[in-house]
Amino acid sequence: MPDFAHLLLGKDLRTIKKGNEVAKMVGDQESFDQLFGLLLHHERPLVMRAADAVEKVTINHKEFLEPHKFQLLSLLKSAVHKELKWHIAQLVSRLSLSQEELKEVWSILAYWAQNPNESKIVRVNALQGLFDLSRDAPALKRIFEDILQNLAHESIPSLKARIKKLSKKKGD
């Protein structure tokens, strides 16, 4: 089994190092579990790169996340670094959630999306996560529309661009 930590180590938060390479190396639950474990590491840049790789892997293998559901929901509640938050915002929408879990996830993502003190990318990704969740929960579509309307007045280009993109996708 490859040493993912060694491949992802580095101090610079502006680079994903070998994150794409690591994502391609993950082909089964065991290797994914090893990668996911790095989300709990103490090195912030390593966590960011591991989260990026986890996100890439779960685009096609969201089932790999299910054994880590409890940990991911715990990270959602406890994450403080924006680099982890922006990945978690997209990852949680890939989980199978109970009604209670959905309510809790929705609440946190809605807070992140609407909180002007969050980083722009956290807000954009939280908005994307809300959109993804609302597609599977029709009762949330109206609430999502209200959030979009509340955010539409903000003059943040990345947020406006995502709102425009999601508004086009609503009919899909």
N, C-alpha and C. Protein backbone atom coordinates (compact mmCIF):
# COMPACT_ATOMS: atom_id res chain seq x y z
N MET A 1 0.85 -1.18 0.00
CA MET A 1 0.00 0.00 0.00
C MET A 1 0.90 1.24 0.00
N PRO A 2 0.62 2.19 -0.88
CA PRO A 2 1.45 3.41 -0.95
C PRO A 2 1.33 4.24 0.33
N ASP A 3 2.37 5.00 0.60
CA ASP A 3 2.37 5.90 1.75
C ASP A 3 1.81 7.25 1.29
N PHE A 4 0.49 7.40 1.43
CA PHE A 4 -0.17 8.61 0.96
C PHE A 4 0.34 9.85 1.70
N ALA A 5 0.60 9.71 2.97
CA ALA A 5 1.07 10.87 3.75
C ALA A 5 2.37 11.41 3.16
N HIS A 6 3.28 10.52 2.82
CA HIS A 6 4.56 10.94 2.25
C HIS A 6 4.34 11.69 0.93
N LEU A 7 3.40 11.21 0.12
CA LEU A 7 3.13 11.84 -1.17
C LEU A 7 2.45 13.20 -1.03
N LEU A 8 1.74 13.39 0.07
CA LEU A 8 0.96 14.61 0.24
C LEU A 8 1.60 15.64 1.17
N LEU A 9 2.69 15.28 1.80
CA LEU A 9 3.35 16.20 2.73
C LEU A 9 3.88 17.44 2.02
N GLY A 10 3.91 18.52 2.73
CA GLY A 10 4.43 19.78 2.20
C GLY A 10 3.83 20.91 3.00
N LYS A 11 4.50 22.02 3.06
CA LYS A 11 4.06 23.15 3.89
C LYS A 11 3.18 24.15 3.15
N ASP A 12 3.29 24.21 1.84
CA ASP A 12 2.61 25.25 1.07
C ASP A 12 1.14 24.89 0.85
N LEU A 13 0.24 25.72 1.38
CA LEU A 13 -1.20 25.48 1.23
C LEU A 13 -1.70 25.80 -0.19
N ARG A 14 -0.86 26.39 -1.00
CA ARG A 14 -1.29 26.78 -2.34
C ARG A 14 -1.11 25.67 -3.37
N THR A 15 -0.62 24.53 -2.97
CA THR A 15 -0.39 23.45 -3.92
C THR A 15 -1.01 22.15 -3.42
N ILE A 16 -1.48 21.33 -4.36
CA ILE A 16 -2.06 20.04 -3.98
C ILE A 16 -1.01 18.93 -4.05
N LYS A 17 0.24 19.31 -4.35
CA LYS A 17 1.34 18.34 -4.45
C LYS A 17 0.92 17.19 -5.37
N LYS A 18 0.90 15.97 -4.86
CA LYS A 18 0.58 14.81 -5.68
C LYS A 18 -0.84 14.31 -5.43
N GLY A 19 -1.74 15.24 -5.10
CA GLY A 19 -3.13 14.90 -4.80
C GLY A 19 -3.84 14.18 -5.93
N ASN A 20 -3.63 14.64 -7.15
CA ASN A 20 -4.26 13.98 -8.30
C ASN A 20 -3.73 12.56 -8.47
N GLU A 21 -2.44 12.41 -8.29
CA GLU A 21 -1.80 11.10 -8.40
C GLU A 21 -2.33 10.16 -7.31
N VAL A 22 -2.45 10.66 -6.11
CA VAL A 22 -2.97 9.86 -5.00
C VAL A 22 -4.41 9.43 -5.29
N ALA A 23 -5.23 10.35 -5.77
CA ALA A 23 -6.63 10.01 -6.07
C ALA A 23 -6.71 8.87 -7.08
N LYS A 24 -5.81 8.87 -8.05
CA LYS A 24 -5.81 7.80 -9.07
C LYS A 24 -5.34 6.47 -8.50
N MET A 25 -4.59 6.52 -7.40
CA MET A 25 -4.07 5.29 -6.79
C MET A 25 -5.12 4.58 -5.93
N VAL A 26 -6.18 5.28 -5.57
CA VAL A 26 -7.20 4.72 -4.69
C VAL A 26 -8.23 3.98 -5.54
N GLY A 27 -8.24 2.65 -5.39
CA GLY A 27 -9.16 1.86 -6.20
C GLY A 27 -10.03 0.91 -5.39
N ASP A 28 -9.85 0.92 -4.08
CA ASP A 28 -10.66 0.02 -3.25
C ASP A 28 -10.89 0.67 -1.89
N GLN A 29 -11.75 0.03 -1.11
CA GLN A 29 -12.12 0.59 0.20
C GLN A 29 -10.91 0.69 1.13
N GLU A 30 -10.03 -0.31 1.09
CA GLU A 30 -8.88 -0.31 1.99
C GLU A 30 -7.96 0.89 1.74
N SER A 31 -7.65 1.16 0.48
CA SER A 31 -6.79 2.31 0.18
C SER A 31 -7.51 3.62 0.47
N PHE A 32 -8.82 3.65 0.23
CA PHE A 32 -9.58 4.84 0.56
C PHE A 32 -9.58 5.10 2.06
N ASP A 33 -9.73 4.03 2.84
CA ASP A 33 -9.73 4.17 4.30
C ASP A 33 -8.41 4.78 4.79
N GLN A 34 -7.32 4.35 4.18
CA GLN A 34 -6.01 4.89 4.55
C GLN A 34 -5.95 6.39 4.22
N LEU A 35 -6.43 6.74 3.04
CA LEU A 35 -6.44 8.15 2.64
C LEU A 35 -7.36 8.97 3.54
N PHE A 36 -8.55 8.47 3.81
CA PHE A 36 -9.50 9.20 4.65
C PHE A 36 -8.92 9.46 6.03
N GLY A 37 -8.18 8.51 6.56
CA GLY A 37 -7.57 8.67 7.88
C GLY A 37 -6.68 9.90 7.97
N LEU A 38 -6.16 10.36 6.84
CA LEU A 38 -5.30 11.55 6.84
C LEU A 38 -6.08 12.84 7.12
N LEU A 39 -7.40 12.78 7.02
CA LEU A 39 -8.21 13.96 7.34
C LEU A 39 -8.12 14.29 8.84
N LEU A 40 -7.65 13.34 9.62
CA LEU A 40 -7.52 13.54 11.06
C LEU A 40 -6.09 13.88 11.47
N HIS A 41 -5.22 14.07 10.50
CA HIS A 41 -3.81 14.37 10.75
C HIS A 41 -3.65 15.78 11.33
N HIS A 42 -2.56 16.03 12.00
CA HIS A 42 -2.32 17.35 12.61
C HIS A 42 -1.72 18.37 11.64
N GLU A 43 -1.19 17.93 10.51
CA GLU A 43 -0.57 18.85 9.54
C GLU A 43 -1.64 19.42 8.60
N ARG A 44 -1.92 20.69 8.73
CA ARG A 44 -2.98 21.34 7.95
C ARG A 44 -2.83 21.16 6.43
N PRO A 45 -1.65 21.37 5.86
CA PRO A 45 -1.52 21.18 4.40
C PRO A 45 -1.79 19.73 3.98
N LEU A 46 -1.36 18.79 4.79
CA LEU A 46 -1.59 17.37 4.48
C LEU A 46 -3.09 17.07 4.51
N VAL A 47 -3.79 17.59 5.50
CA VAL A 47 -5.23 17.39 5.60
C VAL A 47 -5.92 17.96 4.37
N MET A 48 -5.52 19.16 3.96
CA MET A 48 -6.13 19.80 2.80
C MET A 48 -5.95 18.96 1.55
N ARG A 49 -4.75 18.45 1.34
CA ARG A 49 -4.47 17.65 0.15
C ARG A 49 -5.20 16.31 0.20
N ALA A 50 -5.25 15.71 1.38
CA ALA A 50 -5.98 14.45 1.54
C ALA A 50 -7.47 14.67 1.27
N ALA A 51 -8.03 15.76 1.77
CA ALA A 51 -9.45 16.07 1.54
C ALA A 51 -9.72 16.28 0.06
N ASP A 52 -8.80 16.93 -0.63
CA ASP A 52 -8.93 17.14 -2.07
C ASP A 52 -8.95 15.79 -2.79
N ALA A 53 -8.05 14.89 -2.42
CA ALA A 53 -8.00 13.57 -3.05
C ALA A 53 -9.26 12.76 -2.71
N VAL A 54 -9.72 12.83 -1.46
CA VAL A 54 -10.95 12.14 -1.06
C VAL A 54 -12.12 12.64 -1.90
N GLU A 55 -12.19 13.94 -2.08
CA GLU A 55 -13.26 14.52 -2.89
C GLU A 55 -13.21 13.98 -4.32
N LYS A 56 -12.03 13.93 -4.90
CA LYS A 56 -11.89 13.44 -6.28
C LYS A 56 -12.27 11.97 -6.40
N VAL A 57 -11.85 11.16 -5.45
CA VAL A 57 -12.17 9.73 -5.48
C VAL A 57 -13.67 9.51 -5.38
N THR A 58 -14.33 10.27 -4.49
CA THR A 58 -15.74 10.02 -4.23
C THR A 58 -16.68 10.59 -5.28
N ILE A 59 -16.15 11.28 -6.26
CA ILE A 59 -17.00 11.69 -7.39
C ILE A 59 -17.55 10.43 -8.05
N ASN A 60 -16.72 9.42 -8.21
CA ASN A 60 -17.14 8.17 -8.84
C ASN A 60 -17.39 7.03 -7.86
N HIS A 61 -16.92 7.19 -6.63
CA HIS A 61 -17.06 6.11 -5.63
C HIS A 61 -17.57 6.67 -4.31
N LYS A 62 -18.76 7.24 -4.33
CA LYS A 62 -19.27 7.81 -3.09
C LYS A 62 -19.54 6.75 -2.03
N GLU A 63 -19.67 5.50 -2.45
CA GLU A 63 -19.88 4.42 -1.49
C GLU A 63 -18.69 4.25 -0.55
N PHE A 64 -17.50 4.68 -0.97
CA PHE A 64 -16.32 4.59 -0.10
C PHE A 64 -16.48 5.47 1.15
N LEU A 65 -17.32 6.50 1.06
CA LEU A 65 -17.51 7.42 2.20
C LEU A 65 -18.36 6.82 3.31
N GLU A 66 -19.28 5.93 2.97
CA GLU A 66 -20.26 5.44 3.95
C GLU A 66 -19.65 4.91 5.24
N PRO A 67 -18.58 4.10 5.20
CA PRO A 67 -18.00 3.64 6.46
C PRO A 67 -17.43 4.79 7.32
N HIS A 68 -17.26 5.94 6.73
CA HIS A 68 -16.68 7.10 7.42
C HIS A 68 -17.72 8.17 7.72
N LYS A 69 -18.96 7.81 7.59
CA LYS A 69 -20.06 8.77 7.76
C LYS A 69 -19.98 9.49 9.11
N PHE A 70 -19.84 8.73 10.19
CA PHE A 70 -19.78 9.34 11.52
C PHE A 70 -18.62 10.32 11.63
N GLN A 71 -17.44 9.91 11.14
CA GLN A 71 -16.26 10.79 11.21
C GLN A 71 -16.46 12.05 10.36
N LEU A 72 -17.05 11.88 9.17
CA LEU A 72 -17.25 13.03 8.29
C LEU A 72 -18.25 14.01 8.91
N LEU A 73 -19.32 13.49 9.50
CA LEU A 73 -20.29 14.37 10.15
C LEU A 73 -19.66 15.07 11.36
N SER A 74 -18.79 14.37 12.04
CA SER A 74 -18.07 14.97 13.17
C SER A 74 -17.13 16.07 12.68
N LEU A 75 -16.44 15.83 11.58
CA LEU A 75 -15.57 16.86 11.00
C LEU A 75 -16.37 18.07 10.54
N LEU A 76 -17.55 17.83 10.01
CA LEU A 76 -18.42 18.93 9.57
C LEU A 76 -18.69 19.87 10.74
N LYS A 77 -18.91 19.30 11.91
CA LYS A 77 -19.24 20.11 13.10
C LYS A 77 -18.00 20.76 13.72
N SER A 78 -16.84 20.17 13.52
CA SER A 78 -15.66 20.65 14.25
C SER A 78 -14.61 21.35 13.38
N ALA A 79 -14.74 21.30 12.08
CA ALA A 79 -13.72 21.88 11.20
C ALA A 79 -13.58 23.39 11.43
N VAL A 80 -12.34 23.84 11.51
CA VAL A 80 -12.08 25.27 11.67
C VAL A 80 -11.31 25.84 10.48
N HIS A 81 -10.53 25.01 9.82
CA HIS A 81 -9.73 25.49 8.69
C HIS A 81 -10.54 25.48 7.41
N LYS A 82 -10.48 26.60 6.71
CA LYS A 82 -11.29 26.75 5.50
C LYS A 82 -10.98 25.69 4.46
N GLU A 83 -9.74 25.24 4.38
CA GLU A 83 -9.37 24.24 3.37
C GLU A 83 -10.09 22.92 3.60
N LEU A 84 -10.33 22.58 4.83
CA LEU A 84 -11.07 21.35 5.13
C LEU A 84 -12.57 21.60 4.94
N LYS A 85 -13.06 22.74 5.38
CA LYS A 85 -14.48 23.05 5.25
C LYS A 85 -14.95 23.00 3.80
N TRP A 86 -14.15 23.56 2.90
CA TRP A 86 -14.64 23.63 1.52
C TRP A 86 -14.75 22.25 0.90
N HIS A 87 -13.95 21.30 1.33
CA HIS A 87 -14.08 19.93 0.82
C HIS A 87 -15.22 19.20 1.53
N ILE A 88 -15.33 19.38 2.82
CA ILE A 88 -16.40 18.73 3.57
C ILE A 88 -17.77 19.17 3.05
N ALA A 89 -17.89 20.44 2.68
CA ALA A 89 -19.16 20.97 2.17
C ALA A 89 -19.65 20.17 0.97
N GLN A 90 -18.73 19.67 0.18
CA GLN A 90 -19.13 18.87 -0.98
C GLN A 90 -19.24 17.39 -0.64
N LEU A 91 -18.42 16.93 0.26
CA LEU A 91 -18.42 15.50 0.61
C LEU A 91 -19.70 15.08 1.32
N VAL A 92 -20.21 15.89 2.23
CA VAL A 92 -21.37 15.47 3.02
C VAL A 92 -22.62 15.24 2.17
N SER A 93 -22.70 15.92 1.04
CA SER A 93 -23.86 15.71 0.17
C SER A 93 -23.79 14.37 -0.57
N ARG A 94 -22.69 13.68 -0.46
CA ARG A 94 -22.52 12.36 -1.10
C ARG A 94 -22.88 11.21 -0.16
N LEU A 95 -23.22 11.54 1.07
CA LEU A 95 -23.58 10.52 2.06
C LEU A 95 -25.07 10.19 1.99
N SER A 96 -25.42 8.99 2.43
CA SER A 96 -26.82 8.64 2.66
C SER A 96 -27.14 9.13 4.07
N LEU A 97 -28.04 10.07 4.17
CA LEU A 97 -28.32 10.71 5.45
C LEU A 97 -29.73 10.41 5.94
N SER A 98 -29.86 10.20 7.23
CA SER A 98 -31.18 10.09 7.84
C SER A 98 -31.80 11.48 7.84
N GLN A 99 -33.09 11.57 8.15
CA GLN A 99 -33.75 12.88 8.19
C GLN A 99 -33.09 13.79 9.22
N GLU A 100 -32.74 13.23 10.37
CA GLU A 100 -32.09 14.02 11.42
C GLU A 100 -30.70 14.50 10.98
N GLU A 101 -29.95 13.62 10.35
CA GLU A 101 -28.61 13.99 9.85
C GLU A 101 -28.73 15.04 8.76
N LEU A 102 -29.69 14.87 7.88
CA LEU A 102 -29.91 15.83 6.80
C LEU A 102 -30.21 17.21 7.38
N LYS A 103 -31.05 17.25 8.38
CA LYS A 103 -31.41 18.51 9.03
C LYS A 103 -30.16 19.19 9.60
N GLU A 104 -29.32 18.42 10.25
CA GLU A 104 -28.10 18.96 10.87
C GLU A 104 -27.10 19.44 9.80
N VAL A 105 -26.89 18.62 8.77
CA VAL A 105 -25.98 18.98 7.69
C VAL A 105 -26.49 20.24 6.99
N TRP A 106 -27.78 20.27 6.70
CA TRP A 106 -28.37 21.42 6.02
C TRP A 106 -28.14 22.69 6.83
N SER A 107 -28.37 22.60 8.12
CA SER A 107 -28.21 23.76 8.99
C SER A 107 -26.79 24.31 8.96
N ILE A 108 -25.81 23.44 9.02
CA ILE A 108 -24.41 23.88 9.01
C ILE A 108 -24.03 24.45 7.65
N LEU A 109 -24.40 23.77 6.58
CA LEU A 109 -24.06 24.28 5.25
C LEU A 109 -24.76 25.60 4.97
N ALA A 110 -26.00 25.73 5.40
CA ALA A 110 -26.72 27.00 5.20
C ALA A 110 -26.03 28.13 5.96
N TYR A 111 -25.58 27.82 7.16
CA TYR A 111 -24.85 28.82 7.94
C TYR A 111 -23.57 29.23 7.23
N TRP A 112 -22.81 28.24 6.77
CA TRP A 112 -21.56 28.55 6.07
C TRP A 112 -21.83 29.38 4.81
N ALA A 113 -22.83 28.99 4.04
CA ALA A 113 -23.12 29.67 2.77
C ALA A 113 -23.51 31.13 3.00
N GLN A 114 -24.20 31.39 4.08
CA GLN A 114 -24.73 32.74 4.33
C GLN A 114 -23.86 33.58 5.25
N ASN A 115 -22.81 32.99 5.78
CA ASN A 115 -21.96 33.69 6.74
C ASN A 115 -20.88 34.50 6.01
N PRO A 116 -20.96 35.82 6.03
CA PRO A 116 -19.96 36.64 5.33
C PRO A 116 -18.55 36.51 5.91
N ASN A 117 -18.43 35.92 7.10
CA ASN A 117 -17.11 35.73 7.71
C ASN A 117 -16.42 34.46 7.24
N GLU A 118 -17.13 33.61 6.53
CA GLU A 118 -16.50 32.41 5.96
C GLU A 118 -15.76 32.81 4.69
N SER A 119 -14.79 31.99 4.30
CA SER A 119 -14.07 32.27 3.06
C SER A 119 -15.03 32.11 1.88
N LYS A 120 -14.71 32.78 0.81
CA LYS A 120 -15.58 32.73 -0.37
C LYS A 120 -15.73 31.30 -0.90
N ILE A 121 -14.65 30.56 -0.92
CA ILE A 121 -14.74 29.20 -1.46
C ILE A 121 -15.55 28.28 -0.54
N VAL A 122 -15.48 28.48 0.77
CA VAL A 122 -16.32 27.71 1.68
C VAL A 122 -17.79 28.03 1.39
N ARG A 123 -18.08 29.30 1.21
CA ARG A 123 -19.47 29.72 0.94
C ARG A 123 -19.98 29.14 -0.37
N VAL A 124 -19.15 29.20 -1.40
CA VAL A 124 -19.54 28.67 -2.71
C VAL A 124 -19.75 27.16 -2.64
N ASN A 125 -18.84 26.45 -1.99
CA ASN A 125 -18.97 25.00 -1.91
C ASN A 125 -20.12 24.58 -0.99
N ALA A 126 -20.38 25.36 0.05
CA ALA A 126 -21.54 25.08 0.90
C ALA A 126 -22.83 25.26 0.10
N LEU A 127 -22.86 26.28 -0.72
CA LEU A 127 -24.02 26.50 -1.59
C LEU A 127 -24.20 25.32 -2.55
N GLN A 128 -23.10 24.85 -3.11
CA GLN A 128 -23.17 23.68 -4.00
C GLN A 128 -23.68 22.46 -3.23
N GLY A 129 -23.19 22.26 -2.02
CA GLY A 129 -23.65 21.15 -1.20
C GLY A 129 -25.14 21.23 -0.91
N LEU A 130 -25.63 22.42 -0.61
CA LEU A 130 -27.06 22.62 -0.38
C LEU A 130 -27.86 22.29 -1.64
N PHE A 131 -27.38 22.73 -2.77
CA PHE A 131 -28.05 22.43 -4.03
C PHE A 131 -28.12 20.92 -4.24
N ASP A 132 -27.01 20.23 -4.03
CA ASP A 132 -26.97 18.78 -4.22
C ASP A 132 -27.94 18.08 -3.26
N LEU A 133 -27.98 18.53 -2.02
CA LEU A 133 -28.92 17.95 -1.05
C LEU A 133 -30.37 18.23 -1.43
N SER A 134 -30.64 19.42 -1.94
CA SER A 134 -32.02 19.79 -2.28
C SER A 134 -32.54 18.99 -3.48
N ARG A 135 -31.65 18.51 -4.31
CA ARG A 135 -32.08 17.70 -5.46
C ARG A 135 -32.68 16.37 -5.02
N ASP A 136 -32.21 15.86 -3.88
CA ASP A 136 -32.70 14.58 -3.37
C ASP A 136 -33.78 14.75 -2.30
N ALA A 137 -34.05 15.97 -1.90
CA ALA A 137 -35.04 16.24 -0.85
C ALA A 137 -35.93 17.39 -1.32
N PRO A 138 -37.00 17.07 -2.05
CA PRO A 138 -37.86 18.12 -2.62
C PRO A 138 -38.35 19.16 -1.60
N ALA A 139 -38.52 18.76 -0.35
CA ALA A 139 -38.99 19.71 0.67
C ALA A 139 -37.98 20.83 0.90
N LEU A 140 -36.73 20.60 0.54
CA LEU A 140 -35.68 21.61 0.77
C LEU A 140 -35.52 22.58 -0.40
N LYS A 141 -36.17 22.30 -1.52
CA LYS A 141 -35.98 23.15 -2.70
C LYS A 141 -36.41 24.60 -2.44
N ARG A 142 -37.53 24.79 -1.77
CA ARG A 142 -38.01 26.14 -1.49
C ARG A 142 -37.06 26.87 -0.54
N ILE A 143 -36.57 26.16 0.46
CA ILE A 143 -35.61 26.76 1.40
C ILE A 143 -34.34 27.14 0.65
N PHE A 144 -33.91 26.28 -0.28
CA PHE A 144 -32.73 26.57 -1.08
C PHE A 144 -32.96 27.83 -1.92
N GLU A 145 -34.14 27.95 -2.51
CA GLU A 145 -34.48 29.13 -3.31
C GLU A 145 -34.37 30.41 -2.46
N ASP A 146 -34.84 30.33 -1.23
CA ASP A 146 -34.75 31.48 -0.32
C ASP A 146 -33.29 31.85 -0.04
N ILE A 147 -32.45 30.84 0.15
CA ILE A 147 -31.03 31.10 0.39
C ILE A 147 -30.40 31.75 -0.83
N LEU A 148 -30.74 31.24 -2.02
CA LEU A 148 -30.22 31.86 -3.26
C LEU A 148 -30.63 33.32 -3.34
N GLN A 149 -31.87 33.61 -3.04
CA GLN A 149 -32.34 35.00 -3.10
C GLN A 149 -31.62 35.87 -2.08
N ASN A 150 -31.38 35.33 -0.89
CA ASN A 150 -30.67 36.10 0.14
C ASN A 150 -29.24 36.41 -0.28
N LEU A 151 -28.62 35.49 -1.01
CA LEU A 151 -27.23 35.67 -1.40
C LEU A 151 -27.07 36.46 -2.70
N ALA A 152 -28.12 36.54 -3.49
CA ALA A 152 -28.04 37.18 -4.81
C ALA A 152 -27.61 38.64 -4.75
N HIS A 153 -27.85 39.31 -3.64
CA HIS A 153 -27.51 40.73 -3.53
C HIS A 153 -26.03 40.96 -3.22
N GLU A 154 -25.33 39.91 -2.83
CA GLU A 154 -23.92 40.09 -2.46
C GLU A 154 -23.07 40.27 -3.71
N SER A 155 -22.09 41.16 -3.62
CA SER A 155 -21.27 41.47 -4.79
C SER A 155 -19.95 40.68 -4.76
N ILE A 156 -20.07 39.38 -4.59
CA ILE A 156 -18.91 38.50 -4.59
C ILE A 156 -18.95 37.70 -5.89
N PRO A 157 -18.00 37.94 -6.80
CA PRO A 157 -18.05 37.32 -8.12
C PRO A 157 -18.18 35.78 -8.09
N SER A 158 -17.43 35.11 -7.22
CA SER A 158 -17.49 33.65 -7.19
C SER A 158 -18.86 33.16 -6.73
N LEU A 159 -19.47 33.87 -5.79
CA LEU A 159 -20.80 33.50 -5.30
C LEU A 159 -21.84 33.77 -6.38
N LYS A 160 -21.75 34.91 -7.03
CA LYS A 160 -22.68 35.24 -8.11
C LYS A 160 -22.58 34.22 -9.25
N ALA A 161 -21.36 33.83 -9.59
CA ALA A 161 -21.17 32.85 -10.67
C ALA A 161 -21.79 31.50 -10.30
N ARG A 162 -21.62 31.06 -9.05
CA ARG A 162 -22.20 29.78 -8.64
C ARG A 162 -23.72 29.87 -8.60
N ILE A 163 -24.25 30.98 -8.14
CA ILE A 163 -25.72 31.16 -8.12
C ILE A 163 -26.26 31.08 -9.54
N LYS A 164 -25.58 31.72 -10.47
CA LYS A 164 -26.00 31.69 -11.87
C LYS A 164 -25.97 30.25 -12.41
N LYS A 165 -24.88 29.54 -12.11
CA LYS A 165 -24.73 28.16 -12.57
C LYS A 165 -25.82 27.26 -11.97
N LEU A 166 -26.08 27.40 -10.69
CA LEU A 166 -27.08 26.57 -10.02
C LEU A 166 -28.49 26.93 -10.47
N SER A 167 -28.72 28.19 -10.76
CA SER A 167 -30.04 28.61 -11.24
C SER A 167 -30.34 27.95 -12.59
N LYS A 168 -29.34 27.80 -13.42
CA LYS A 168 -29.50 27.13 -14.72
C LYS A 168 -29.76 25.63 -14.55
N LYS A 169 -29.13 25.04 -13.52
CA LYS A 169 -29.24 23.59 -13.29
C LYS A 169 -30.55 23.19 -12.60
N LYS A 170 -31.25 24.14 -12.02
CA LYS A 170 -32.45 23.81 -11.25
C LYS A 170 -33.47 23.02 -12.07
N GLY A 171 -33.55 23.32 -13.33
CA GLY A 171 -34.51 22.62 -14.18
C GLY A 171 -34.08 21.24 -14.64
N ASP A 172 -32.81 20.90 -14.46
CA ASP A 172 -32.29 19.60 -14.92
C ASP A 172 -32.92 18.44 -14.17
